[in-house]
Amino acid sequence: MDVSDTQLTHDGLDAAPRGRVSIIGCGALAHEILDIISINKLDHISLTCLPAILHNSPQDIPNAVRAKISALRSQGVEEIFVAYADCGTGGLLQKLCDEEGVQMIAGPHCYAFFQGVDQAADQDDVTSFFLTDFLARQFDAFVWKPLGLDRHPELLPMYFGHYEKLVFLEQKPDPDILAKARACADRMGLEFEHRITGYGDLSQVLNDL
């Protein structure tokens, strides 16, 4: 299912209605966010996704989020939450959210809030390359081909020579996805580490909405 730049909405009201909330999320988190909404019956929340490929040009994320905030407000939406961490924007996304008066997830990137921001800060992962369930499924589309490794495999040491291991952060147990993650580590010539994280801080953040 392609969730990039797609409106994904759960309609309905709780017995005790809460304020309606629109989440602007990264397409790479769409499946996880929708799972959390469904499991916890957060029917007051709707999700709009931006293309996951924006992670390859993080400088474009703030303007894309700004445009989406403007579009939602033109539809009368007042309560907006941004389901991105900093994600390589160098603080610009937080600055934008402050200017627009909307909240966003705290943390440097989604890998941190899947592990738990505090736990991630305690890990010595300077030489680790991370995969989530989404990236394990979409490794060729979001990593291998954009870097040109399908055409020039000799570039592999230049891109990944300073990494020592691939850390797979598993949100939802799936033997096929686990096998894909192991295969990615093999292709990159890296040691493989498997961490079962579930949805981490993401679940708590959405429930707090």
N, C-alpha and C. Protein backbone atom coordinates (compact mmCIF):
# COMPACT_ATOMS: atom_id res chain seq x y z
N MET A 1 0.84 -1.19 0.00
CA MET A 1 0.00 0.00 0.00
C MET A 1 0.88 1.24 0.00
N ASP A 2 0.65 2.13 -0.95
CA ASP A 2 1.43 3.37 -1.03
C ASP A 2 0.71 4.43 -0.20
N VAL A 3 1.34 4.85 0.90
CA VAL A 3 0.70 5.82 1.77
C VAL A 3 1.30 7.21 1.61
N SER A 4 2.25 7.36 0.70
CA SER A 4 2.88 8.66 0.54
C SER A 4 1.88 9.67 0.03
N ASP A 5 1.86 10.85 0.70
CA ASP A 5 1.02 11.96 0.30
C ASP A 5 -0.45 11.56 0.18
N THR A 6 -0.90 10.69 1.09
CA THR A 6 -2.26 10.18 1.05
C THR A 6 -2.99 10.56 2.32
N GLN A 7 -4.26 10.90 2.22
CA GLN A 7 -5.07 11.19 3.39
C GLN A 7 -5.62 9.88 3.93
N LEU A 8 -5.31 9.58 5.19
CA LEU A 8 -5.77 8.36 5.84
C LEU A 8 -6.55 8.77 7.07
N THR A 9 -7.84 8.50 7.09
CA THR A 9 -8.68 9.06 8.13
C THR A 9 -9.49 7.98 8.83
N HIS A 10 -9.56 8.08 10.17
CA HIS A 10 -10.43 7.24 10.97
C HIS A 10 -11.54 8.14 11.51
N ASP A 11 -12.79 7.94 11.03
CA ASP A 11 -13.89 8.77 11.48
C ASP A 11 -14.63 8.08 12.61
N GLY A 12 -15.37 8.88 13.38
CA GLY A 12 -16.15 8.33 14.47
C GLY A 12 -15.84 9.08 15.75
N LEU A 13 -16.72 8.90 16.76
CA LEU A 13 -16.55 9.58 18.04
C LEU A 13 -16.57 8.59 19.17
N ASP A 14 -15.79 8.89 20.22
CA ASP A 14 -15.85 8.10 21.43
C ASP A 14 -17.17 8.39 22.15
N ALA A 15 -17.49 7.55 23.14
CA ALA A 15 -18.68 7.79 23.94
C ALA A 15 -18.60 9.16 24.61
N ALA A 16 -17.38 9.52 25.05
CA ALA A 16 -17.14 10.86 25.58
C ALA A 16 -16.23 11.56 24.58
N PRO A 17 -16.82 12.33 23.63
CA PRO A 17 -16.04 12.88 22.52
C PRO A 17 -14.89 13.76 22.99
N ARG A 18 -13.75 13.61 22.33
CA ARG A 18 -12.61 14.47 22.56
C ARG A 18 -12.42 15.37 21.35
N GLY A 19 -11.50 16.35 21.47
CA GLY A 19 -11.25 17.23 20.36
C GLY A 19 -10.69 16.49 19.18
N ARG A 20 -11.06 16.89 17.97
CA ARG A 20 -10.54 16.26 16.77
C ARG A 20 -9.08 16.67 16.57
N VAL A 21 -8.24 15.73 16.20
CA VAL A 21 -6.81 16.00 16.02
C VAL A 21 -6.38 15.49 14.65
N SER A 22 -5.70 16.32 13.90
CA SER A 22 -5.12 15.90 12.63
C SER A 22 -3.61 15.77 12.80
N ILE A 23 -3.09 14.61 12.45
CA ILE A 23 -1.66 14.35 12.51
C ILE A 23 -1.06 14.49 11.12
N ILE A 24 0.01 15.26 11.03
CA ILE A 24 0.82 15.30 9.81
C ILE A 24 2.00 14.38 10.07
N GLY A 25 2.06 13.27 9.34
CA GLY A 25 3.08 12.27 9.62
C GLY A 25 3.93 11.94 8.42
N CYS A 26 5.09 11.38 8.71
CA CYS A 26 5.96 10.87 7.65
C CYS A 26 5.36 9.58 7.11
N GLY A 27 5.38 9.41 5.80
CA GLY A 27 4.85 8.20 5.19
C GLY A 27 5.52 6.94 5.70
N ALA A 28 6.76 7.07 6.19
CA ALA A 28 7.48 5.91 6.73
C ALA A 28 6.86 5.41 8.03
N LEU A 29 6.02 6.24 8.67
CA LEU A 29 5.40 5.88 9.95
C LEU A 29 3.92 5.56 9.81
N ALA A 30 3.39 5.61 8.60
CA ALA A 30 1.94 5.51 8.41
C ALA A 30 1.37 4.21 8.97
N HIS A 31 1.98 3.08 8.65
CA HIS A 31 1.44 1.80 9.13
C HIS A 31 1.44 1.74 10.65
N GLU A 32 2.53 2.22 11.25
CA GLU A 32 2.64 2.18 12.70
C GLU A 32 1.62 3.10 13.37
N ILE A 33 1.46 4.31 12.83
CA ILE A 33 0.49 5.25 13.40
C ILE A 33 -0.93 4.71 13.28
N LEU A 34 -1.26 4.15 12.13
CA LEU A 34 -2.60 3.60 11.94
C LEU A 34 -2.85 2.41 12.86
N ASP A 35 -1.81 1.61 13.10
CA ASP A 35 -1.95 0.50 14.05
C ASP A 35 -2.27 1.02 15.45
N ILE A 36 -1.53 2.04 15.86
CA ILE A 36 -1.73 2.60 17.20
C ILE A 36 -3.14 3.20 17.32
N ILE A 37 -3.58 3.91 16.28
CA ILE A 37 -4.92 4.48 16.28
C ILE A 37 -5.97 3.38 16.40
N SER A 38 -5.79 2.31 15.65
CA SER A 38 -6.76 1.21 15.65
C SER A 38 -6.76 0.46 16.98
N ILE A 39 -5.58 0.08 17.47
CA ILE A 39 -5.46 -0.71 18.70
C ILE A 39 -6.07 0.04 19.88
N ASN A 40 -5.83 1.36 19.94
CA ASN A 40 -6.26 2.15 21.08
C ASN A 40 -7.58 2.88 20.85
N LYS A 41 -8.20 2.60 19.68
CA LYS A 41 -9.49 3.22 19.35
C LYS A 41 -9.45 4.75 19.47
N LEU A 42 -8.43 5.32 18.87
CA LEU A 42 -8.26 6.78 18.90
C LEU A 42 -9.00 7.38 17.71
N ASP A 43 -10.33 7.23 17.74
CA ASP A 43 -11.14 7.59 16.58
C ASP A 43 -11.24 9.09 16.34
N HIS A 44 -10.74 9.87 17.28
CA HIS A 44 -10.76 11.33 17.11
C HIS A 44 -9.56 11.81 16.31
N ILE A 45 -8.69 10.89 15.92
CA ILE A 45 -7.45 11.26 15.22
C ILE A 45 -7.54 10.91 13.74
N SER A 46 -7.14 11.84 12.89
CA SER A 46 -6.99 11.56 11.45
C SER A 46 -5.53 11.76 11.08
N LEU A 47 -5.10 11.07 10.05
CA LEU A 47 -3.69 11.10 9.64
C LEU A 47 -3.54 11.52 8.19
N THR A 48 -2.67 12.48 7.96
CA THR A 48 -2.27 12.88 6.62
C THR A 48 -0.78 12.64 6.49
N CYS A 49 -0.37 11.90 5.47
CA CYS A 49 1.05 11.55 5.33
C CYS A 49 1.74 12.35 4.23
N LEU A 50 2.96 12.77 4.53
CA LEU A 50 3.85 13.33 3.52
C LEU A 50 4.72 12.21 2.96
N PRO A 51 5.25 12.36 1.75
CA PRO A 51 6.05 11.28 1.15
C PRO A 51 7.26 10.92 2.00
N ALA A 52 7.44 9.63 2.23
CA ALA A 52 8.57 9.15 3.03
C ALA A 52 9.91 9.51 2.38
N ILE A 53 9.92 9.67 1.06
CA ILE A 53 11.17 9.95 0.36
C ILE A 53 11.75 11.31 0.76
N LEU A 54 10.97 12.17 1.44
CA LEU A 54 11.50 13.44 1.92
C LEU A 54 12.69 13.26 2.86
N HIS A 55 12.81 12.07 3.45
CA HIS A 55 13.96 11.83 4.33
C HIS A 55 15.27 11.88 3.56
N ASN A 56 15.21 11.72 2.25
CA ASN A 56 16.42 11.83 1.44
C ASN A 56 16.79 13.28 1.16
N SER A 57 15.90 14.20 1.47
CA SER A 57 16.19 15.65 1.34
C SER A 57 15.53 16.36 2.52
N PRO A 58 16.06 16.16 3.73
CA PRO A 58 15.40 16.67 4.94
C PRO A 58 15.23 18.18 4.96
N GLN A 59 16.01 18.90 4.17
CA GLN A 59 15.85 20.35 4.12
C GLN A 59 14.48 20.74 3.56
N ASP A 60 13.83 19.80 2.86
CA ASP A 60 12.51 20.08 2.27
C ASP A 60 11.36 19.77 3.22
N ILE A 61 11.64 19.09 4.33
CA ILE A 61 10.57 18.67 5.23
C ILE A 61 9.82 19.87 5.83
N PRO A 62 10.53 20.90 6.37
CA PRO A 62 9.78 22.00 6.99
C PRO A 62 8.78 22.68 6.05
N ASN A 63 9.18 22.96 4.82
CA ASN A 63 8.25 23.62 3.89
C ASN A 63 7.08 22.72 3.54
N ALA A 64 7.34 21.42 3.43
CA ALA A 64 6.25 20.49 3.14
C ALA A 64 5.27 20.43 4.30
N VAL A 65 5.78 20.45 5.52
CA VAL A 65 4.92 20.45 6.71
C VAL A 65 4.14 21.77 6.79
N ARG A 66 4.81 22.88 6.50
CA ARG A 66 4.13 24.19 6.53
C ARG A 66 2.96 24.21 5.56
N ALA A 67 3.19 23.69 4.35
CA ALA A 67 2.12 23.67 3.34
C ALA A 67 0.95 22.81 3.81
N LYS A 68 1.26 21.68 4.47
CA LYS A 68 0.20 20.79 4.93
C LYS A 68 -0.57 21.43 6.09
N ILE A 69 0.13 22.14 6.98
CA ILE A 69 -0.56 22.86 8.06
C ILE A 69 -1.52 23.89 7.48
N SER A 70 -1.05 24.62 6.48
CA SER A 70 -1.89 25.64 5.84
C SER A 70 -3.12 25.01 5.19
N ALA A 71 -2.92 23.87 4.53
CA ALA A 71 -4.04 23.20 3.87
C ALA A 71 -5.07 22.71 4.88
N LEU A 72 -4.61 22.16 5.98
CA LEU A 72 -5.53 21.67 7.01
C LEU A 72 -6.30 22.81 7.65
N ARG A 73 -5.61 23.92 7.91
CA ARG A 73 -6.29 25.06 8.53
C ARG A 73 -7.31 25.68 7.58
N SER A 74 -7.03 25.62 6.29
CA SER A 74 -8.01 26.14 5.33
C SER A 74 -9.27 25.30 5.30
N GLN A 75 -9.16 24.06 5.81
CA GLN A 75 -10.32 23.17 5.91
C GLN A 75 -11.01 23.29 7.27
N GLY A 76 -10.51 24.21 8.10
CA GLY A 76 -11.13 24.42 9.39
C GLY A 76 -10.55 23.60 10.52
N VAL A 77 -9.45 22.89 10.26
CA VAL A 77 -8.82 22.07 11.30
C VAL A 77 -8.04 22.97 12.24
N GLU A 78 -8.24 22.80 13.53
CA GLU A 78 -7.55 23.64 14.50
C GLU A 78 -6.47 22.88 15.27
N GLU A 79 -6.73 21.62 15.61
CA GLU A 79 -5.80 20.84 16.42
C GLU A 79 -4.92 20.00 15.49
N ILE A 80 -3.63 20.34 15.41
CA ILE A 80 -2.69 19.67 14.50
C ILE A 80 -1.48 19.21 15.29
N PHE A 81 -1.01 18.02 14.97
CA PHE A 81 0.19 17.48 15.61
C PHE A 81 1.12 16.96 14.51
N VAL A 82 2.41 17.23 14.64
CA VAL A 82 3.40 16.82 13.63
C VAL A 82 4.14 15.58 14.10
N ALA A 83 3.92 14.47 13.41
CA ALA A 83 4.55 13.19 13.77
C ALA A 83 5.86 13.01 13.03
N TYR A 84 6.75 13.94 13.26
CA TYR A 84 8.14 13.87 12.85
C TYR A 84 8.98 14.20 14.08
N ALA A 85 10.17 13.63 14.18
CA ALA A 85 11.17 14.17 15.09
C ALA A 85 11.97 15.20 14.27
N ASP A 86 13.17 15.57 14.71
CA ASP A 86 13.94 16.55 13.93
C ASP A 86 14.27 16.02 12.54
N CYS A 87 14.61 14.75 12.44
CA CYS A 87 14.78 14.06 11.15
C CYS A 87 15.75 14.76 10.20
N GLY A 88 16.83 15.31 10.74
CA GLY A 88 17.86 15.90 9.89
C GLY A 88 17.59 17.32 9.45
N THR A 89 16.59 17.98 10.04
CA THR A 89 16.28 19.34 9.60
C THR A 89 17.10 20.40 10.35
N GLY A 90 17.94 19.97 11.26
CA GLY A 90 18.80 20.91 11.98
C GLY A 90 18.05 21.92 12.83
N GLY A 91 16.93 21.48 13.40
CA GLY A 91 16.14 22.36 14.25
C GLY A 91 15.12 23.20 13.51
N LEU A 92 15.14 23.17 12.18
CA LEU A 92 14.23 24.02 11.41
C LEU A 92 12.78 23.57 11.54
N LEU A 93 12.55 22.26 11.68
CA LEU A 93 11.17 21.79 11.83
C LEU A 93 10.59 22.24 13.17
N GLN A 94 11.38 22.16 14.23
CA GLN A 94 10.92 22.64 15.52
C GLN A 94 10.63 24.13 15.47
N LYS A 95 11.49 24.88 14.80
CA LYS A 95 11.29 26.33 14.66
C LYS A 95 9.97 26.61 13.95
N LEU A 96 9.70 25.86 12.88
CA LEU A 96 8.46 26.03 12.14
C LEU A 96 7.25 25.73 13.03
N CYS A 97 7.33 24.62 13.77
CA CYS A 97 6.21 24.24 14.64
C CYS A 97 5.97 25.28 15.72
N ASP A 98 7.04 25.85 16.25
CA ASP A 98 6.89 26.92 17.24
C ASP A 98 6.19 28.13 16.62
N GLU A 99 6.58 28.47 15.40
CA GLU A 99 5.97 29.62 14.71
C GLU A 99 4.49 29.38 14.44
N GLU A 100 4.15 28.12 14.10
CA GLU A 100 2.78 27.79 13.74
C GLU A 100 1.93 27.42 14.96
N GLY A 101 2.57 27.27 16.12
CA GLY A 101 1.83 26.92 17.31
C GLY A 101 1.32 25.49 17.33
N VAL A 102 2.10 24.56 16.75
CA VAL A 102 1.71 23.15 16.78
C VAL A 102 2.80 22.34 17.48
N GLN A 103 2.41 21.21 18.05
CA GLN A 103 3.35 20.34 18.72
C GLN A 103 3.96 19.34 17.75
N MET A 104 5.16 18.84 18.08
CA MET A 104 5.79 17.78 17.32
C MET A 104 6.46 16.81 18.29
N ILE A 105 6.87 15.66 17.78
CA ILE A 105 7.52 14.67 18.62
C ILE A 105 8.93 15.14 18.97
N ALA A 106 9.29 15.00 20.23
CA ALA A 106 10.64 15.35 20.65
C ALA A 106 11.61 14.23 20.28
N GLY A 107 12.83 14.61 19.92
CA GLY A 107 13.84 13.61 19.61
C GLY A 107 14.56 13.92 18.32
N PRO A 108 15.73 13.31 18.11
CA PRO A 108 16.51 13.60 16.92
C PRO A 108 15.98 12.93 15.65
N HIS A 109 15.35 11.75 15.78
CA HIS A 109 14.86 11.02 14.62
C HIS A 109 13.93 9.90 15.09
N CYS A 110 13.25 9.26 14.14
CA CYS A 110 12.26 8.25 14.51
C CYS A 110 12.90 7.03 15.15
N TYR A 111 14.17 6.76 14.84
CA TYR A 111 14.83 5.62 15.47
C TYR A 111 14.90 5.83 16.99
N ALA A 112 15.08 7.09 17.39
CA ALA A 112 15.17 7.38 18.82
C ALA A 112 13.84 7.17 19.51
N PHE A 113 12.72 7.63 18.91
CA PHE A 113 11.47 7.46 19.65
C PHE A 113 10.92 6.05 19.54
N PHE A 114 11.35 5.25 18.56
CA PHE A 114 10.97 3.83 18.58
C PHE A 114 11.67 3.12 19.74
N GLN A 115 12.92 3.45 19.97
CA GLN A 115 13.64 2.85 21.09
C GLN A 115 13.22 3.46 22.42
N GLY A 116 12.74 4.70 22.38
CA GLY A 116 12.55 5.50 23.56
C GLY A 116 13.70 6.48 23.59
N VAL A 117 13.41 7.78 23.57
CA VAL A 117 14.45 8.79 23.44
C VAL A 117 15.51 8.65 24.53
N ASP A 118 15.07 8.41 25.77
CA ASP A 118 16.04 8.28 26.86
C ASP A 118 16.93 7.05 26.68
N GLN A 119 16.32 5.93 26.29
CA GLN A 119 17.11 4.71 26.08
C GLN A 119 18.08 4.88 24.91
N ALA A 120 17.62 5.53 23.84
CA ALA A 120 18.48 5.73 22.67
C ALA A 120 19.70 6.57 23.04
N ALA A 121 19.51 7.54 23.92
CA ALA A 121 20.63 8.40 24.33
C ALA A 121 21.70 7.61 25.07
N ASP A 122 21.30 6.50 25.70
CA ASP A 122 22.25 5.69 26.46
C ASP A 122 22.99 4.67 25.60
N GLN A 123 22.54 4.48 24.36
CA GLN A 123 23.17 3.49 23.48
C GLN A 123 24.40 4.08 22.79
N ASP A 124 25.41 3.27 22.63
CA ASP A 124 26.61 3.69 21.89
C ASP A 124 26.44 3.24 20.44
N ASP A 125 25.76 4.08 19.65
CA ASP A 125 25.39 3.68 18.30
C ASP A 125 26.00 4.57 17.22
N VAL A 126 27.14 5.15 17.52
CA VAL A 126 27.76 6.08 16.56
C VAL A 126 28.08 5.37 15.25
N THR A 127 28.44 4.09 15.30
CA THR A 127 28.80 3.36 14.08
C THR A 127 27.71 2.38 13.67
N SER A 128 26.46 2.68 14.04
CA SER A 128 25.34 1.80 13.70
C SER A 128 24.48 2.42 12.60
N PHE A 129 24.04 1.58 11.68
CA PHE A 129 23.07 1.97 10.66
C PHE A 129 21.73 1.35 11.07
N PHE A 130 20.66 2.16 11.08
CA PHE A 130 19.39 1.69 11.60
C PHE A 130 18.40 1.35 10.49
N LEU A 131 17.64 0.30 10.75
CA LEU A 131 16.48 -0.03 9.93
C LEU A 131 15.26 -0.16 10.83
N THR A 132 14.14 0.37 10.37
CA THR A 132 12.85 0.10 10.99
C THR A 132 12.13 -0.92 10.12
N ASP A 133 10.94 -1.35 10.52
CA ASP A 133 10.15 -2.26 9.69
C ASP A 133 9.98 -1.68 8.28
N PHE A 134 9.63 -0.39 8.23
CA PHE A 134 9.39 0.26 6.93
C PHE A 134 10.64 0.21 6.06
N LEU A 135 11.79 0.59 6.62
CA LEU A 135 13.01 0.63 5.81
C LEU A 135 13.48 -0.77 5.41
N ALA A 136 13.21 -1.76 6.25
CA ALA A 136 13.56 -3.13 5.85
C ALA A 136 12.73 -3.55 4.64
N ARG A 137 11.45 -3.15 4.64
CA ARG A 137 10.59 -3.48 3.49
C ARG A 137 10.98 -2.69 2.25
N GLN A 138 11.40 -1.44 2.45
CA GLN A 138 11.63 -0.53 1.32
C GLN A 138 13.11 -0.18 1.14
N PHE A 139 13.99 -1.09 1.50
CA PHE A 139 15.42 -0.80 1.50
C PHE A 139 15.92 -0.40 0.11
N ASP A 140 15.52 -1.14 -0.91
CA ASP A 140 15.98 -0.81 -2.26
C ASP A 140 15.49 0.57 -2.69
N ALA A 141 14.22 0.87 -2.43
CA ALA A 141 13.62 2.12 -2.91
C ALA A 141 14.15 3.34 -2.18
N PHE A 142 14.50 3.19 -0.89
CA PHE A 142 14.86 4.37 -0.10
C PHE A 142 16.34 4.45 0.26
N VAL A 143 17.08 3.37 0.05
CA VAL A 143 18.51 3.39 0.37
C VAL A 143 19.34 2.99 -0.84
N TRP A 144 19.20 1.76 -1.29
CA TRP A 144 20.10 1.19 -2.29
C TRP A 144 20.07 1.95 -3.62
N LYS A 145 18.87 2.15 -4.18
CA LYS A 145 18.77 2.80 -5.48
C LYS A 145 19.06 4.30 -5.43
N PRO A 146 18.53 5.05 -4.44
CA PRO A 146 18.86 6.49 -4.39
C PRO A 146 20.35 6.77 -4.27
N LEU A 147 21.09 5.85 -3.63
CA LEU A 147 22.54 6.03 -3.50
C LEU A 147 23.29 5.51 -4.73
N GLY A 148 22.56 4.94 -5.68
CA GLY A 148 23.18 4.44 -6.91
C GLY A 148 23.92 3.13 -6.75
N LEU A 149 23.68 2.41 -5.64
CA LEU A 149 24.41 1.16 -5.39
C LEU A 149 23.95 0.02 -6.27
N ASP A 150 22.77 0.15 -6.86
CA ASP A 150 22.31 -0.86 -7.81
C ASP A 150 23.12 -0.78 -9.10
N ARG A 151 23.66 0.41 -9.40
CA ARG A 151 24.46 0.60 -10.62
C ARG A 151 25.95 0.62 -10.33
N HIS A 152 26.31 1.08 -9.13
CA HIS A 152 27.73 1.21 -8.79
C HIS A 152 28.00 0.62 -7.41
N PRO A 153 27.99 -0.70 -7.29
CA PRO A 153 28.22 -1.32 -5.97
C PRO A 153 29.60 -1.00 -5.39
N GLU A 154 30.51 -0.55 -6.24
CA GLU A 154 31.85 -0.21 -5.75
C GLU A 154 31.82 1.01 -4.80
N LEU A 155 30.69 1.74 -4.79
CA LEU A 155 30.56 2.89 -3.90
C LEU A 155 30.20 2.50 -2.47
N LEU A 156 29.90 1.23 -2.24
CA LEU A 156 29.47 0.78 -0.92
C LEU A 156 30.43 1.19 0.20
N PRO A 157 31.77 0.99 0.05
CA PRO A 157 32.67 1.39 1.14
C PRO A 157 32.66 2.89 1.40
N MET A 158 32.41 3.69 0.37
CA MET A 158 32.40 5.14 0.55
C MET A 158 31.21 5.56 1.42
N TYR A 159 30.06 4.94 1.19
CA TYR A 159 28.86 5.30 1.95
C TYR A 159 28.83 4.68 3.34
N PHE A 160 29.26 3.44 3.45
CA PHE A 160 29.02 2.69 4.68
C PHE A 160 30.29 2.14 5.33
N GLY A 161 31.45 2.60 4.86
CA GLY A 161 32.70 2.08 5.38
C GLY A 161 32.93 2.37 6.86
N HIS A 162 32.30 3.44 7.38
CA HIS A 162 32.51 3.79 8.79
C HIS A 162 31.50 3.12 9.72
N TYR A 163 30.54 2.37 9.14
CA TYR A 163 29.58 1.65 9.97
C TYR A 163 30.13 0.28 10.34
N GLU A 164 29.75 -0.21 11.53
CA GLU A 164 30.18 -1.52 11.98
C GLU A 164 29.04 -2.52 12.06
N LYS A 165 27.84 -2.02 12.33
CA LYS A 165 26.70 -2.95 12.44
C LYS A 165 25.42 -2.30 11.94
N LEU A 166 24.50 -3.15 11.55
CA LEU A 166 23.15 -2.72 11.20
C LEU A 166 22.24 -3.11 12.37
N VAL A 167 21.51 -2.14 12.88
CA VAL A 167 20.59 -2.39 14.00
C VAL A 167 19.17 -2.35 13.46
N PHE A 168 18.48 -3.48 13.57
CA PHE A 168 17.09 -3.55 13.13
C PHE A 168 16.19 -3.33 14.33
N LEU A 169 15.42 -2.22 14.29
CA LEU A 169 14.46 -1.90 15.34
C LEU A 169 13.09 -2.43 14.90
N GLU A 170 12.67 -3.50 15.53
CA GLU A 170 11.45 -4.19 15.08
C GLU A 170 10.23 -3.65 15.81
N GLN A 171 9.27 -3.13 15.03
CA GLN A 171 8.03 -2.65 15.62
C GLN A 171 7.00 -3.76 15.79
N LYS A 172 6.93 -4.65 14.82
CA LYS A 172 5.89 -5.68 14.82
C LYS A 172 6.52 -6.99 14.36
N PRO A 173 6.45 -8.05 15.16
CA PRO A 173 7.12 -9.31 14.79
C PRO A 173 6.63 -9.83 13.45
N ASP A 174 7.58 -10.10 12.57
CA ASP A 174 7.27 -10.63 11.24
C ASP A 174 8.53 -11.32 10.73
N PRO A 175 8.53 -12.65 10.62
CA PRO A 175 9.75 -13.36 10.20
C PRO A 175 10.25 -12.95 8.81
N ASP A 176 9.33 -12.57 7.93
CA ASP A 176 9.75 -12.15 6.59
C ASP A 176 10.52 -10.83 6.65
N ILE A 177 10.02 -9.89 7.46
CA ILE A 177 10.70 -8.60 7.58
C ILE A 177 12.04 -8.78 8.28
N LEU A 178 12.08 -9.64 9.28
CA LEU A 178 13.35 -9.92 9.97
C LEU A 178 14.37 -10.50 9.00
N ALA A 179 13.94 -11.40 8.13
CA ALA A 179 14.84 -11.97 7.13
C ALA A 179 15.33 -10.90 6.16
N LYS A 180 14.45 -9.97 5.78
CA LYS A 180 14.87 -8.87 4.90
C LYS A 180 15.93 -8.00 5.57
N ALA A 181 15.73 -7.74 6.86
CA ALA A 181 16.69 -6.92 7.59
C ALA A 181 18.06 -7.59 7.66
N ARG A 182 18.06 -8.89 7.93
CA ARG A 182 19.33 -9.64 7.94
C ARG A 182 20.00 -9.60 6.58
N ALA A 183 19.21 -9.71 5.52
CA ALA A 183 19.75 -9.67 4.17
C ALA A 183 20.36 -8.31 3.87
N CYS A 184 19.75 -7.23 4.39
CA CYS A 184 20.32 -5.89 4.21
C CYS A 184 21.69 -5.80 4.86
N ALA A 185 21.80 -6.34 6.07
CA ALA A 185 23.09 -6.32 6.76
C ALA A 185 24.14 -7.08 5.96
N ASP A 186 23.76 -8.22 5.41
CA ASP A 186 24.69 -9.02 4.60
C ASP A 186 25.14 -8.24 3.37
N ARG A 187 24.21 -7.56 2.70
CA ARG A 187 24.55 -6.80 1.50
C ARG A 187 25.53 -5.67 1.82
N MET A 188 25.38 -5.10 3.01
CA MET A 188 26.22 -3.98 3.40
C MET A 188 27.51 -4.43 4.08
N GLY A 189 27.63 -5.73 4.34
CA GLY A 189 28.82 -6.26 4.99
C GLY A 189 28.93 -5.86 6.44
N LEU A 190 27.77 -5.74 7.12
CA LEU A 190 27.74 -5.28 8.50
C LEU A 190 27.28 -6.38 9.45
N GLU A 191 27.72 -6.28 10.69
CA GLU A 191 27.21 -7.14 11.76
C GLU A 191 25.72 -6.81 11.94
N PHE A 192 24.94 -7.81 12.32
CA PHE A 192 23.49 -7.61 12.47
C PHE A 192 23.09 -7.64 13.94
N GLU A 193 22.29 -6.66 14.35
CA GLU A 193 21.73 -6.66 15.71
C GLU A 193 20.22 -6.43 15.62
N HIS A 194 19.48 -7.22 16.36
CA HIS A 194 18.02 -7.17 16.34
C HIS A 194 17.52 -6.66 17.69
N ARG A 195 16.81 -5.50 17.67
CA ARG A 195 16.23 -4.96 18.89
C ARG A 195 14.70 -4.89 18.72
N ILE A 196 13.98 -5.53 19.61
CA ILE A 196 12.53 -5.49 19.58
C ILE A 196 12.07 -4.27 20.36
N THR A 197 11.51 -3.30 19.67
CA THR A 197 11.16 -2.03 20.30
C THR A 197 9.65 -1.81 20.41
N GLY A 198 8.86 -2.49 19.58
CA GLY A 198 7.46 -2.12 19.50
C GLY A 198 7.34 -0.70 18.96
N TYR A 199 6.35 0.03 19.44
CA TYR A 199 6.14 1.39 18.94
C TYR A 199 6.80 2.45 19.82
N GLY A 200 7.42 2.03 20.91
CA GLY A 200 8.19 2.94 21.74
C GLY A 200 7.41 4.16 22.20
N ASP A 201 8.07 5.31 22.18
CA ASP A 201 7.44 6.55 22.63
C ASP A 201 6.30 6.99 21.73
N LEU A 202 6.29 6.51 20.48
CA LEU A 202 5.24 6.93 19.54
C LEU A 202 3.86 6.58 20.07
N SER A 203 3.71 5.40 20.64
CA SER A 203 2.41 4.98 21.17
C SER A 203 1.95 5.90 22.29
N GLN A 204 2.85 6.23 23.21
CA GLN A 204 2.48 7.10 24.33
C GLN A 204 2.12 8.50 23.87
N VAL A 205 2.89 9.00 22.90
CA VAL A 205 2.64 10.36 22.39
C VAL A 205 1.25 10.44 21.78
N LEU A 206 0.88 9.45 20.97
CA LEU A 206 -0.42 9.49 20.30
C LEU A 206 -1.55 9.30 21.30
N ASN A 207 -1.35 8.43 22.28
CA ASN A 207 -2.39 8.25 23.30
C ASN A 207 -2.59 9.52 24.12
N ASP A 208 -1.53 10.28 24.31
CA ASP A 208 -1.63 11.53 25.08
C ASP A 208 -2.44 12.58 24.32
N LEU A 209 -2.57 12.43 23.00
CA LEU A 209 -3.35 13.39 22.23
C LEU A 209 -4.84 13.28 22.54
